[in-house]
Amino acid sequence: MAGERAIEVNSLRRDFVVGRRSKRRDVVAVDGISFDVGAGERLAFIGPNGAGKSTSIKMLTGILHPTSGAATVLGIVPWTDRRALTRRIGTLFGQRSQLWSELVPRSSLRMLGAIYGLDDAGLERRIDELAELFEARELFEQPVRTLSLGQRMRCELAACMLHQPELLFLDEPTIGLDLTGKQRFRELLVHLNTELGTTVFLTSHDVADIEHVADRAIVVNHGSIVNDASVAEMRSGLLGRKRIEVGLAEAAGVVGGLVTTLFDSFGEDIDVVERSAGMLSIDVNTGRRPIREVLDHLLGAVAVVDLSVVDPPLEQVIGEIYERPQ
């Protein structure tokens, strides 16, 4: 699969007509986007509400027809041969369940297997494999309505993988999960990708999902792609900023004086993010000011007990991308 493309999108557009009679108007939900996703890639497709993410996924899974443009998923045009596509992809949309609440997951998986045309013996082997993979053997024997949200989402992901899809579409899959559930779910997605080669196409408003799952992120806003880069590039190279976190053995008044001298020396090249009696966090525009100058100033001005230089949080990077003029 190396070097192959799982998804190819060319000038894809989707318009909707909203309103009635004299108030009818066209709304562009997806505005001529183009991108490729390699087989085995982990892609985050992100943007604010109304950016066109869900509409894009619905076109790529064959639920919606585009107004214009072209796309193939695993070599298939989704809206012309959706039946063939569904046998090769898995989909998980937020908390929309494909499991029957009154049944145990094993029973739901058997019915889904029959829908996919899996033979009985092969289906039972596959369910046992998934029970082992997701550490869900006991969960498969409990009614779905009795499971916690995190447990149910593990079973939902198992249902997505029942027919061994080559590509997973995941729309807000960790919404509502607690921290432990989110982390476990992310680990499962990375495992499916690294061990089985499953391509992952993820949308999420949770920045931690993007950081822990995705290798690459496409940012969309107002139906258009505004950035396409690796997650590492988004964090470190895109904005040319670094964050200095300094532990200080100084009183609050001394820290206040230090902040004043920093602004006197570096002006708009720095931004103080947090300050207290024992901590100071500063963002430095490394495109205009060498970070060493700021470090030298800090080390010469106060007693530093701890110091680290890190990339700014990803949510800050994404937020600044959203705010760019379109």
C-alpha atoms as a PDB file:
ATOM      1  CA  MET A   1       0.000   0.000   0.000  1.00  0.00           C
ATOM      2  CA  ALA A   2       3.040   2.296   0.366  1.00  0.00           C
ATOM      3  CA  GLY A   3       2.773   5.283  -1.955  1.00  0.00           C
ATOM      4  CA  GLU A   4      -0.866   4.562  -2.882  1.00  0.00           C
ATOM      5  CA  ARG A   5      -3.645   7.076  -2.333  1.00  0.00           C
ATOM      6  CA  ALA A   6      -6.598   6.148  -0.196  1.00  0.00           C
ATOM      7  CA  ILE A   7      -8.470   9.386  -0.980  1.00  0.00           C
ATOM      8  CA  GLU A   8      -8.202  11.766  -3.927  1.00  0.00           C
ATOM      9  CA  VAL A   9     -10.275  14.957  -3.949  1.00  0.00           C
ATOM     10  CA  ASN A  10     -10.328  17.460  -6.807  1.00  0.00           C
ATOM     11  CA  SER A  11     -12.251  20.783  -6.665  1.00  0.00           C
ATOM     12  CA  LEU A  12     -15.032  19.245  -4.568  1.00  0.00           C
ATOM     13  CA  ARG A  13     -17.937  21.597  -3.935  1.00  0.00           C
ATOM     14  CA  ARG A  14     -21.300  21.337  -2.238  1.00  0.00           C
ATOM     15  CA  ASP A  15     -23.982  24.042  -2.224  1.00  0.00           C
ATOM     16  CA  PHE A  16     -27.223  24.030  -0.258  1.00  0.00           C
ATOM     17  CA  VAL A  17     -30.378  26.055  -0.795  1.00  0.00           C
ATOM     18  CA  VAL A  18     -31.713  27.471   2.457  1.00  0.00           C
ATOM     19  CA  GLY A  19     -34.764  29.568   3.293  1.00  0.00           C
ATOM     20  CA  ARG A  20     -38.142  29.711   1.615  1.00  0.00           C
ATOM     21  CA  ARG A  21     -39.669  31.717  -1.247  1.00  0.00           C
ATOM     22  CA  SER A  22     -38.184  35.208  -1.474  1.00  0.00           C
ATOM     23  CA  LYS A  23     -35.659  34.385   1.271  1.00  0.00           C
ATOM     24  CA  ARG A  24     -34.185  31.408  -0.559  1.00  0.00           C
ATOM     25  CA  ARG A  25     -30.429  31.627  -1.043  1.00  0.00           C
ATOM     26  CA  ASP A  26     -27.491  29.414  -1.889  1.00  0.00           C
ATOM     27  CA  VAL A  27     -24.980  28.544   0.834  1.00  0.00           C
ATOM     28  CA  VAL A  28     -21.582  27.131  -0.064  1.00  0.00           C
ATOM     29  CA  ALA A  29     -20.718  24.450   2.507  1.00  0.00           C
ATOM     30  CA  VAL A  30     -17.633  23.086   0.728  1.00  0.00           C
ATOM     31  CA  ASP A  31     -15.913  25.423  -1.687  1.00  0.00           C
ATOM     32  CA  GLY A  32     -13.806  23.561  -4.265  1.00  0.00           C
ATOM     33  CA  ILE A  33     -11.370  21.730  -1.981  1.00  0.00           C
ATOM     34  CA  SER A  34      -8.581  19.490  -3.311  1.00  0.00           C
ATOM     35  CA  PHE A  35      -6.333  17.121  -1.351  1.00  0.00           C
ATOM     36  CA  ASP A  36      -4.974  13.561  -1.245  1.00  0.00           C
ATOM     37  CA  VAL A  37      -4.650  11.094   1.629  1.00  0.00           C
ATOM     38  CA  GLY A  38      -2.059   8.365   1.377  1.00  0.00           C
ATOM     39  CA  ALA A  39      -2.829   4.758   2.256  1.00  0.00           C
ATOM     40  CA  GLY A  40      -1.927   4.147   5.888  1.00  0.00           C
ATOM     41  CA  GLU A  41      -1.926   7.846   6.767  1.00  0.00           C
ATOM     42  CA  ARG A  42      -3.494   9.335   9.908  1.00  0.00           C
ATOM     43  CA  LEU A  43      -5.164  12.606   8.918  1.00  0.00           C
ATOM     44  CA  ALA A  44      -7.032  15.110  11.083  1.00  0.00           C
ATOM     45  CA  PHE A  45      -9.570  17.176   9.127  1.00  0.00           C
ATOM     46  CA  ILE A  46     -10.293  20.086  11.440  1.00  0.00           C
ATOM     47  CA  GLY A  47     -12.062  23.411  11.578  1.00  0.00           C
ATOM     48  CA  PRO A  48     -14.654  25.423  13.523  1.00  0.00           C
ATOM     49  CA  ASN A  49     -18.358  24.614  13.476  1.00  0.00           C
ATOM     50  CA  GLY A  50     -19.768  25.260  10.019  1.00  0.00           C
ATOM     51  CA  ALA A  51     -16.393  24.942   8.304  1.00  0.00           C
ATOM     52  CA  GLY A  52     -17.562  22.116   6.022  1.00  0.00           C
ATOM     53  CA  LYS A  53     -16.026  19.097   7.788  1.00  0.00           C
ATOM     54  CA  SER A  54     -19.127  16.954   8.163  1.00  0.00           C
ATOM     55  CA  THR A  55     -20.373  17.817   4.674  1.00  0.00           C
ATOM     56  CA  SER A  56     -17.004  16.725   3.268  1.00  0.00           C
ATOM     57  CA  ILE A  57     -17.149  13.404   5.112  1.00  0.00           C
ATOM     58  CA  LYS A  58     -20.714  12.799   3.930  1.00  0.00           C
ATOM     59  CA  MET A  59     -19.595  13.259   0.331  1.00  0.00           C
ATOM     60  CA  LEU A  60     -16.536  11.037   0.811  1.00  0.00           C
ATOM     61  CA  THR A  61     -18.706   8.276   2.285  1.00  0.00           C
ATOM     62  CA  GLY A  62     -21.347   8.589  -0.445  1.00  0.00           C
ATOM     63  CA  ILE A  63     -24.136  10.000   1.720  1.00  0.00           C
ATOM     64  CA  LEU A  64     -24.215  13.277  -0.222  1.00  0.00           C
ATOM     65  CA  HIS A  65     -23.639  14.039  -3.893  1.00  0.00           C
ATOM     66  CA  PRO A  66     -21.379  17.024  -4.614  1.00  0.00           C
ATOM     67  CA  THR A  67     -22.560  20.040  -6.571  1.00  0.00           C
ATOM     68  CA  SER A  68     -19.381  19.788  -8.639  1.00  0.00           C
ATOM     69  CA  GLY A  69     -15.890  18.365  -8.543  1.00  0.00           C
ATOM     70  CA  ALA A  70     -14.582  14.821  -8.227  1.00  0.00           C
ATOM     71  CA  ALA A  71     -13.353  12.401  -5.588  1.00  0.00           C
ATOM     72  CA  THR A  72     -12.369   8.764  -5.240  1.00  0.00           C
ATOM     73  CA  VAL A  73     -12.061   6.757  -2.038  1.00  0.00           C
ATOM     74  CA  LEU A  74     -10.058   3.553  -2.397  1.00  0.00           C
ATOM     75  CA  GLY A  75     -10.470   4.011  -6.153  1.00  0.00           C
ATOM     76  CA  ILE A  76     -14.283   4.208  -5.905  1.00  0.00           C
ATOM     77  CA  VAL A  77     -16.471   7.239  -6.615  1.00  0.00           C
ATOM     78  CA  PRO A  78     -18.412   7.289  -3.322  1.00  0.00           C
ATOM     79  CA  TRP A  79     -21.786   8.628  -4.498  1.00  0.00           C
ATOM     80  CA  THR A  80     -22.010   6.363  -7.562  1.00  0.00           C
ATOM     81  CA  ASP A  81     -21.034   3.060  -5.926  1.00  0.00           C
ATOM     82  CA  ARG A  82     -21.732   3.457  -2.234  1.00  0.00           C
ATOM     83  CA  ARG A  83     -22.501  -0.237  -1.717  1.00  0.00           C
ATOM     84  CA  ALA A  84     -19.044  -1.299  -2.887  1.00  0.00           C
ATOM     85  CA  LEU A  85     -17.425   1.437  -0.796  1.00  0.00           C
ATOM     86  CA  THR A  86     -19.182   0.458   2.447  1.00  0.00           C
ATOM     87  CA  ARG A  87     -17.557  -2.973   2.258  1.00  0.00           C
ATOM     88  CA  ARG A  88     -14.110  -1.366   2.385  1.00  0.00           C
ATOM     89  CA  ILE A  89     -14.546   1.502   4.856  1.00  0.00           C
ATOM     90  CA  GLY A  90     -15.642   1.882   8.478  1.00  0.00           C
ATOM     91  CA  THR A  91     -17.521   4.909   9.799  1.00  0.00           C
ATOM     92  CA  LEU A  92     -18.075   6.220  13.315  1.00  0.00           C
ATOM     93  CA  PHE A  93     -20.063   9.431  13.730  1.00  0.00           C
ATOM     94  CA  GLY A  94     -19.901  10.819  17.257  1.00  0.00           C
ATOM     95  CA  GLN A  95     -22.337   9.032  19.542  1.00  0.00           C
ATOM     96  CA  ARG A  96     -24.557   7.613  16.791  1.00  0.00           C
ATOM     97  CA  SER A  97     -24.682   3.950  17.613  1.00  0.00           C
ATOM     98  CA  GLN A  98     -24.679   0.972  15.272  1.00  0.00           C
ATOM     99  CA  LEU A  99     -25.229  -1.389  18.208  1.00  0.00           C
ATOM    100  CA  TRP A 100     -28.664  -2.392  19.518  1.00  0.00           C
ATOM    101  CA  SER A 101     -29.044  -1.084  23.088  1.00  0.00           C
ATOM    102  CA  GLU A 102     -30.961  -4.100  24.463  1.00  0.00           C
ATOM    103  CA  LEU A 103     -28.599  -6.687  22.967  1.00  0.00           C
ATOM    104  CA  VAL A 104     -25.096  -7.661  23.982  1.00  0.00           C
ATOM    105  CA  PRO A 105     -22.477  -6.386  21.498  1.00  0.00           C
ATOM    106  CA  ARG A 106     -21.683  -9.939  20.354  1.00  0.00           C
ATOM    107  CA  SER A 107     -25.238 -10.308  19.057  1.00  0.00           C
ATOM    108  CA  SER A 108     -25.083  -6.948  17.286  1.00  0.00           C
ATOM    109  CA  LEU A 109     -21.772  -7.941  15.705  1.00  0.00           C
ATOM    110  CA  ARG A 110     -23.311 -11.189  14.434  1.00  0.00           C
ATOM    111  CA  MET A 111     -26.141  -9.271  12.760  1.00  0.00           C
ATOM    112  CA  LEU A 112     -23.715  -6.775  11.250  1.00  0.00           C
ATOM    113  CA  GLY A 113     -21.597  -9.672  10.027  1.00  0.00           C
ATOM    114  CA  ALA A 114     -24.625 -11.141   8.273  1.00  0.00           C
ATOM    115  CA  ILE A 115     -25.244  -7.775   6.606  1.00  0.00           C
ATOM    116  CA  TYR A 116     -21.644  -7.790   5.343  1.00  0.00           C
ATOM    117  CA  GLY A 117     -22.085 -11.368   4.119  1.00  0.00           C
ATOM    118  CA  LEU A 118     -19.446 -12.917   6.404  1.00  0.00           C
ATOM    119  CA  ASP A 119     -19.703 -16.704   6.833  1.00  0.00           C
ATOM    120  CA  ASP A 120     -20.590 -17.969  10.307  1.00  0.00           C
ATOM    121  CA  ALA A 121     -17.261 -19.589  11.155  1.00  0.00           C
ATOM    122  CA  GLY A 122     -15.215 -16.656   9.885  1.00  0.00           C
ATOM    123  CA  LEU A 123     -17.477 -14.211  11.688  1.00  0.00           C
ATOM    124  CA  GLU A 124     -17.042 -15.934  15.063  1.00  0.00           C
ATOM    125  CA  ARG A 125     -13.267 -15.946  14.606  1.00  0.00           C
ATOM    126  CA  ARG A 126     -13.342 -12.271  13.729  1.00  0.00           C
ATOM    127  CA  ILE A 127     -15.461 -11.374  16.787  1.00  0.00           C
ATOM    128  CA  ASP A 128     -13.028 -13.258  19.023  1.00  0.00           C
ATOM    129  CA  GLU A 129     -10.089 -11.426  17.394  1.00  0.00           C
ATOM    130  CA  LEU A 130     -11.768  -8.078  18.060  1.00  0.00           C
ATOM    131  CA  ALA A 131     -12.569  -9.039  21.642  1.00  0.00           C
ATOM    132  CA  GLU A 132      -8.872  -9.711  22.175  1.00  0.00           C
ATOM    133  CA  LEU A 133      -7.685  -6.633  20.279  1.00  0.00           C
ATOM    134  CA  PHE A 134      -9.969  -4.242  22.162  1.00  0.00           C
ATOM    135  CA  GLU A 135      -9.714  -6.048  25.510  1.00  0.00           C
ATOM    136  CA  ALA A 136     -13.492  -6.311  25.381  1.00  0.00           C
ATOM    137  CA  ARG A 137     -14.263 -10.011  25.856  1.00  0.00           C
ATOM    138  CA  GLU A 138     -16.420  -9.318  28.925  1.00  0.00           C
ATOM    139  CA  LEU A 139     -17.951  -6.193  27.380  1.00  0.00           C
ATOM    140  CA  PHE A 140     -19.171  -8.208  24.387  1.00  0.00           C
ATOM    141  CA  GLU A 141     -21.405 -10.224  26.750  1.00  0.00           C
ATOM    142  CA  GLN A 142     -23.102  -7.278  28.521  1.00  0.00           C
ATOM    143  CA  PRO A 143     -26.185  -5.440  27.212  1.00  0.00           C
ATOM    144  CA  VAL A 144     -25.096  -2.239  25.470  1.00  0.00           C
ATOM    145  CA  ARG A 145     -27.402  -0.132  27.652  1.00  0.00           C
ATOM    146  CA  THR A 146     -25.398  -1.188  30.748  1.00  0.00           C
ATOM    147  CA  LEU A 147     -22.025  -0.111  29.359  1.00  0.00           C
ATOM    148  CA  SER A 148     -20.332   3.176  30.159  1.00  0.00           C
ATOM    149  CA  LEU A 149     -19.821   5.549  27.245  1.00  0.00           C
ATOM    150  CA  GLY A 150     -16.140   4.663  27.031  1.00  0.00           C
ATOM    151  CA  GLN A 151     -16.911   0.931  27.003  1.00  0.00           C
ATOM    152  CA  ARG A 152     -19.600   1.387  24.380  1.00  0.00           C
ATOM    153  CA  MET A 153     -17.311   3.399  22.121  1.00  0.00           C
ATOM    154  CA  ARG A 154     -14.740   0.588  22.235  1.00  0.00           C
ATOM    155  CA  CYS A 155     -17.478  -1.774  21.107  1.00  0.00           C
ATOM    156  CA  GLU A 156     -18.576   0.715  18.421  1.00  0.00           C
ATOM    157  CA  LEU A 157     -15.020   0.849  17.090  1.00  0.00           C
ATOM    158  CA  ALA A 158     -14.920  -2.948  17.095  1.00  0.00           C
ATOM    159  CA  ALA A 159     -18.123  -2.924  15.022  1.00  0.00           C
ATOM    160  CA  CYS A 160     -16.433  -0.547  12.549  1.00  0.00           C
ATOM    161  CA  MET A 161     -13.545  -2.992  12.210  1.00  0.00           C
ATOM    162  CA  LEU A 162     -15.687  -6.117  11.867  1.00  0.00           C
ATOM    163  CA  HIS A 163     -15.290  -6.366   8.079  1.00  0.00           C
ATOM    164  CA  GLN A 164     -11.581  -5.358   8.200  1.00  0.00           C
ATOM    165  CA  PRO A 165     -11.953  -1.981   6.458  1.00  0.00           C
ATOM    166  CA  GLU A 166      -8.980  -0.325   4.821  1.00  0.00           C
ATOM    167  CA  LEU A 167     -10.086   3.171   5.844  1.00  0.00           C
ATOM    168  CA  LEU A 168     -11.821   4.580   8.926  1.00  0.00           C
ATOM    169  CA  PHE A 169     -13.872   7.790   8.868  1.00  0.00           C
ATOM    170  CA  LEU A 170     -14.265   9.125  12.418  1.00  0.00           C
ATOM    171  CA  ASP A 171     -16.373  12.230  13.117  1.00  0.00           C
ATOM    172  CA  GLU A 172     -15.905  13.467  16.720  1.00  0.00           C
ATOM    173  CA  PRO A 173     -15.341   9.921  18.047  1.00  0.00           C
ATOM    174  CA  THR A 174     -14.247  10.910  21.580  1.00  0.00           C
ATOM    175  CA  ILE A 175     -17.030  13.400  22.302  1.00  0.00           C
ATOM    176  CA  GLY A 176     -18.387  12.873  25.823  1.00  0.00           C
ATOM    177  CA  LEU A 177     -15.653  10.469  26.925  1.00  0.00           C
ATOM    178  CA  ASP A 178     -13.749  11.029  30.157  1.00  0.00           C
ATOM    179  CA  LEU A 179      -9.962  11.488  30.092  1.00  0.00           C
ATOM    180  CA  THR A 180      -9.216   7.794  30.539  1.00  0.00           C
ATOM    181  CA  GLY A 181     -11.697   6.803  27.862  1.00  0.00           C
ATOM    182  CA  LYS A 182     -10.313   9.350  25.421  1.00  0.00           C
ATOM    183  CA  GLN A 183      -6.743   8.148  25.941  1.00  0.00           C
ATOM    184  CA  ARG A 184      -7.704   4.494  25.520  1.00  0.00           C
ATOM    185  CA  PHE A 185      -9.634   5.288  22.330  1.00  0.00           C
ATOM    186  CA  ARG A 186      -6.696   7.228  20.869  1.00  0.00           C
ATOM    187  CA  GLU A 187      -4.332   4.364  21.629  1.00  0.00           C
ATOM    188  CA  LEU A 188      -6.653   1.954  19.817  1.00  0.00           C
ATOM    189  CA  LEU A 189      -6.732   4.162  16.715  1.00  0.00           C
ATOM    190  CA  VAL A 190      -2.946   4.405  16.576  1.00  0.00           C
ATOM    191  CA  HIS A 191      -2.679   0.644  17.107  1.00  0.00           C
ATOM    192  CA  LEU A 192      -5.087  -0.074  14.242  1.00  0.00           C
ATOM    193  CA  ASN A 193      -3.030   2.163  12.004  1.00  0.00           C
ATOM    194  CA  THR A 194       0.449   0.948  12.937  1.00  0.00           C
ATOM    195  CA  GLU A 195      -0.339  -2.757  13.248  1.00  0.00           C
ATOM    196  CA  LEU A 196      -2.978  -3.220  10.547  1.00  0.00           C
ATOM    197  CA  GLY A 197      -2.177  -0.333   8.205  1.00  0.00           C
ATOM    198  CA  THR A 198      -5.699   1.113   8.505  1.00  0.00           C
ATOM    199  CA  THR A 199      -5.962   4.641   7.104  1.00  0.00           C
ATOM    200  CA  VAL A 200      -7.537   7.063   9.613  1.00  0.00           C
ATOM    201  CA  PHE A 201      -9.557  10.159   8.614  1.00  0.00           C
ATOM    202  CA  LEU A 202     -10.471  11.993  11.807  1.00  0.00           C
ATOM    203  CA  THR A 203     -12.442  15.119  12.661  1.00  0.00           C
ATOM    204  CA  SER A 204     -12.403  16.413  16.219  1.00  0.00           C
ATOM    205  CA  HIS A 205     -12.654  19.589  18.268  1.00  0.00           C
ATOM    206  CA  ASP A 206     -10.437  17.975  20.913  1.00  0.00           C
ATOM    207  CA  VAL A 207      -6.886  19.163  20.283  1.00  0.00           C
ATOM    208  CA  ALA A 208      -5.506  16.176  22.205  1.00  0.00           C
ATOM    209  CA  ASP A 209      -7.116  13.837  19.636  1.00  0.00           C
ATOM    210  CA  ILE A 210      -5.211  15.619  16.892  1.00  0.00           C
ATOM    211  CA  GLU A 211      -1.921  15.637  18.796  1.00  0.00           C
ATOM    212  CA  HIS A 212      -2.048  11.985  19.835  1.00  0.00           C
ATOM    213  CA  VAL A 213      -3.605  10.394  16.754  1.00  0.00           C
ATOM    214  CA  ALA A 214      -2.822  12.406  13.628  1.00  0.00           C
ATOM    215  CA  ASP A 215       0.420  12.751  11.693  1.00  0.00           C
ATOM    216  CA  ARG A 216      -1.012  15.411   9.397  1.00  0.00           C
ATOM    217  CA  ALA A 217      -3.755  18.000   9.711  1.00  0.00           C
ATOM    218  CA  ILE A 218      -5.856  19.799   7.120  1.00  0.00           C
ATOM    219  CA  VAL A 219      -7.481  22.951   8.496  1.00  0.00           C
ATOM    220  CA  VAL A 220     -10.695  24.103   6.831  1.00  0.00           C
ATOM    221  CA  ASN A 221     -12.667  27.289   7.349  1.00  0.00           C
ATOM    222  CA  HIS A 222     -15.660  28.664   5.439  1.00  0.00           C
ATOM    223  CA  GLY A 223     -15.569  25.580   3.197  1.00  0.00           C
ATOM    224  CA  SER A 224     -11.963  26.101   2.054  1.00  0.00           C
ATOM    225  CA  ILE A 225      -8.630  24.589   3.032  1.00  0.00           C
ATOM    226  CA  VAL A 226      -6.556  27.197   4.862  1.00  0.00           C
ATOM    227  CA  ASN A 227      -3.636  24.983   5.911  1.00  0.00           C
ATOM    228  CA  ASP A 228      -2.305  21.522   5.143  1.00  0.00           C
ATOM    229  CA  ALA A 229       0.786  20.379   7.050  1.00  0.00           C
ATOM    230  CA  SER A 230       2.130  17.751   9.387  1.00  0.00           C
ATOM    231  CA  VAL A 231       1.096  18.203  13.011  1.00  0.00           C
ATOM    232  CA  ALA A 232       4.755  18.711  13.910  1.00  0.00           C
ATOM    233  CA  GLU A 233       5.079  21.491  11.325  1.00  0.00           C
ATOM    234  CA  MET A 234       1.926  23.151  12.600  1.00  0.00           C
ATOM    235  CA  ARG A 235       3.312  23.196  16.119  1.00  0.00           C
ATOM    236  CA  SER A 236       6.880  24.265  15.465  1.00  0.00           C
ATOM    237  CA  GLY A 237       7.400  25.713  12.019  1.00  0.00           C
ATOM    238  CA  LEU A 238       4.170  27.338  10.931  1.00  0.00           C
ATOM    239  CA  LEU A 239       4.074  30.287  13.285  1.00  0.00           C
ATOM    240  CA  GLY A 240       7.757  30.583  14.126  1.00  0.00           C
ATOM    241  CA  ARG A 241       7.029  30.820  17.851  1.00  0.00           C
ATOM    242  CA  LYS A 242       8.492  29.167  20.917  1.00  0.00           C
ATOM    243  CA  ARG A 243       7.319  29.225  24.519  1.00  0.00           C
ATOM    244  CA  ILE A 244       9.809  29.781  27.361  1.00  0.00           C
ATOM    245  CA  GLU A 245       8.608  28.435  30.720  1.00  0.00           C
ATOM    246  CA  VAL A 246      10.710  29.708  33.625  1.00  0.00           C
ATOM    247  CA  GLY A 247      10.619  28.664  37.279  1.00  0.00           C
ATOM    248  CA  LEU A 248      11.648  31.587  39.503  1.00  0.00           C
ATOM    249  CA  ALA A 249      12.724  31.953  43.106  1.00  0.00           C
ATOM    250  CA  GLU A 250      11.498  35.543  43.199  1.00  0.00           C
ATOM    251  CA  ALA A 251       8.751  37.581  44.823  1.00  0.00           C
ATOM    252  CA  ALA A 252       5.796  38.767  42.789  1.00  0.00           C
ATOM    253  CA  GLY A 253       7.081  42.362  42.723  1.00  0.00           C
ATOM    254  CA  VAL A 254      10.393  41.252  41.248  1.00  0.00           C
ATOM    255  CA  VAL A 255       8.587  39.240  38.585  1.00  0.00           C
ATOM    256  CA  GLY A 256       6.508  42.295  37.704  1.00  0.00           C
ATOM    257  CA  GLY A 257       9.662  44.346  37.261  1.00  0.00           C
ATOM    258  CA  LEU A 258      11.163  41.627  35.099  1.00  0.00           C
ATOM    259  CA  VAL A 259       8.126  41.647  32.815  1.00  0.00           C
ATOM    260  CA  THR A 260       8.483  45.414  32.428  1.00  0.00           C
ATOM    261  CA  THR A 261      12.141  45.149  31.416  1.00  0.00           C
ATOM    262  CA  LEU A 262      11.324  42.333  29.003  1.00  0.00           C
ATOM    263  CA  PHE A 263       8.793  44.485  27.177  1.00  0.00           C
ATOM    264  CA  ASP A 264      11.207  47.423  27.227  1.00  0.00           C
ATOM    265  CA  SER A 265      13.859  45.222  25.577  1.00  0.00           C
ATOM    266  CA  PHE A 266      11.807  43.103  23.174  1.00  0.00           C
ATOM    267  CA  GLY A 267       8.496  44.894  22.686  1.00  0.00           C
ATOM    268  CA  GLU A 268       6.036  43.083  20.399  1.00  0.00           C
ATOM    269  CA  ASP A 269       8.491  40.229  19.792  1.00  0.00           C
ATOM    270  CA  ILE A 270       7.284  38.582  23.032  1.00  0.00           C
ATOM    271  CA  ASP A 271       3.964  37.838  24.675  1.00  0.00           C
ATOM    272  CA  VAL A 272       3.672  37.064  28.386  1.00  0.00           C
ATOM    273  CA  VAL A 273       1.212  34.178  28.664  1.00  0.00           C
ATOM    274  CA  GLU A 274       1.319  33.533  32.415  1.00  0.00           C
ATOM    275  CA  ARG A 275       3.069  35.001  35.422  1.00  0.00           C
ATOM    276  CA  SER A 276       3.028  34.365  39.146  1.00  0.00           C
ATOM    277  CA  ALA A 277       5.446  34.531  42.060  1.00  0.00           C
ATOM    278  CA  GLY A 278       7.106  31.320  40.931  1.00  0.00           C
ATOM    279  CA  MET A 279       6.407  30.964  37.217  1.00  0.00           C
ATOM    280  CA  LEU A 280       6.714  32.970  34.028  1.00  0.00           C
ATOM    281  CA  SER A 281       5.620  31.785  30.557  1.00  0.00           C
ATOM    282  CA  ILE A 282       6.627  33.818  27.512  1.00  0.00           C
ATOM    283  CA  ASP A 283       5.906  33.280  23.820  1.00  0.00           C
ATOM    284  CA  VAL A 284       8.733  34.495  21.574  1.00  0.00           C
ATOM    285  CA  ASN A 285       8.386  35.350  17.901  1.00  0.00           C
ATOM    286  CA  THR A 286      11.520  33.532  16.749  1.00  0.00           C
ATOM    287  CA  GLY A 287      11.090  34.852  13.223  1.00  0.00           C
ATOM    288  CA  ARG A 288      11.911  38.348  14.470  1.00  0.00           C
ATOM    289  CA  ARG A 289      13.874  37.744  17.656  1.00  0.00           C
ATOM    290  CA  PRO A 290      16.471  35.007  18.342  1.00  0.00           C
ATOM    291  CA  ILE A 291      15.287  33.073  21.365  1.00  0.00           C
ATOM    292  CA  ARG A 292      18.794  33.146  22.798  1.00  0.00           C
ATOM    293  CA  GLU A 293      18.533  36.918  23.334  1.00  0.00           C
ATOM    294  CA  VAL A 294      15.462  36.463  25.524  1.00  0.00           C
ATOM    295  CA  LEU A 295      17.068  33.564  27.414  1.00  0.00           C
ATOM    296  CA  ASP A 296      20.230  35.575  28.053  1.00  0.00           C
ATOM    297  CA  HIS A 297      18.139  38.458  29.388  1.00  0.00           C
ATOM    298  CA  LEU A 298      16.202  36.178  31.736  1.00  0.00           C
ATOM    299  CA  LEU A 299      19.273  34.375  33.058  1.00  0.00           C
ATOM    300  CA  GLY A 300      21.068  37.655  33.665  1.00  0.00           C
ATOM    301  CA  ALA A 301      18.130  39.378  35.376  1.00  0.00           C
ATOM    302  CA  VAL A 302      16.775  36.893  37.926  1.00  0.00           C
ATOM    303  CA  ALA A 303      17.560  33.643  39.733  1.00  0.00           C
ATOM    304  CA  VAL A 304      16.160  30.879  37.538  1.00  0.00           C
ATOM    305  CA  VAL A 305      15.468  27.519  39.198  1.00  0.00           C
ATOM    306  CA  ASP A 306      13.937  25.788  36.173  1.00  0.00           C
ATOM    307  CA  LEU A 307      13.711  26.553  32.469  1.00  0.00           C
ATOM    308  CA  SER A 308      12.266  24.863  29.388  1.00  0.00           C
ATOM    309  CA  VAL A 309      11.660  25.854  25.777  1.00  0.00           C
ATOM    310  CA  VAL A 310       8.639  24.227  24.116  1.00  0.00           C
ATOM    311  CA  ASP A 311       6.299  24.713  21.179  1.00  0.00           C
ATOM    312  CA  PRO A 312       3.107  26.658  21.900  1.00  0.00           C
ATOM    313  CA  PRO A 313      -0.053  24.587  22.519  1.00  0.00           C
ATOM    314  CA  LEU A 314      -1.616  23.256  19.335  1.00  0.00           C
ATOM    315  CA  GLU A 315      -4.958  24.912  20.090  1.00  0.00           C
ATOM    316  CA  GLN A 316      -3.181  28.273  19.954  1.00  0.00           C
ATOM    317  CA  VAL A 317      -1.643  27.386  16.592  1.00  0.00           C
ATOM    318  CA  ILE A 318      -5.015  26.291  15.192  1.00  0.00           C
ATOM    319  CA  GLY A 319      -6.732  29.364  16.620  1.00  0.00           C
ATOM    320  CA  GLU A 320      -4.291  31.681  14.861  1.00  0.00           C
ATOM    321  CA  ILE A 321      -4.829  29.803  11.595  1.00  0.00           C
ATOM    322  CA  TYR A 322      -8.596  30.298  11.915  1.00  0.00           C
ATOM    323  CA  GLU A 323      -8.095  34.022  12.458  1.00  0.00           C
ATOM    324  CA  ARG A 324      -6.107  34.538   9.277  1.00  0.00           C
ATOM    325  CA  PRO A 325      -7.906  36.556   6.589  1.00  0.00           C
ATOM    326  CA  GLN A 326      -9.622  34.359   4.014  1.00  0.00           C
END
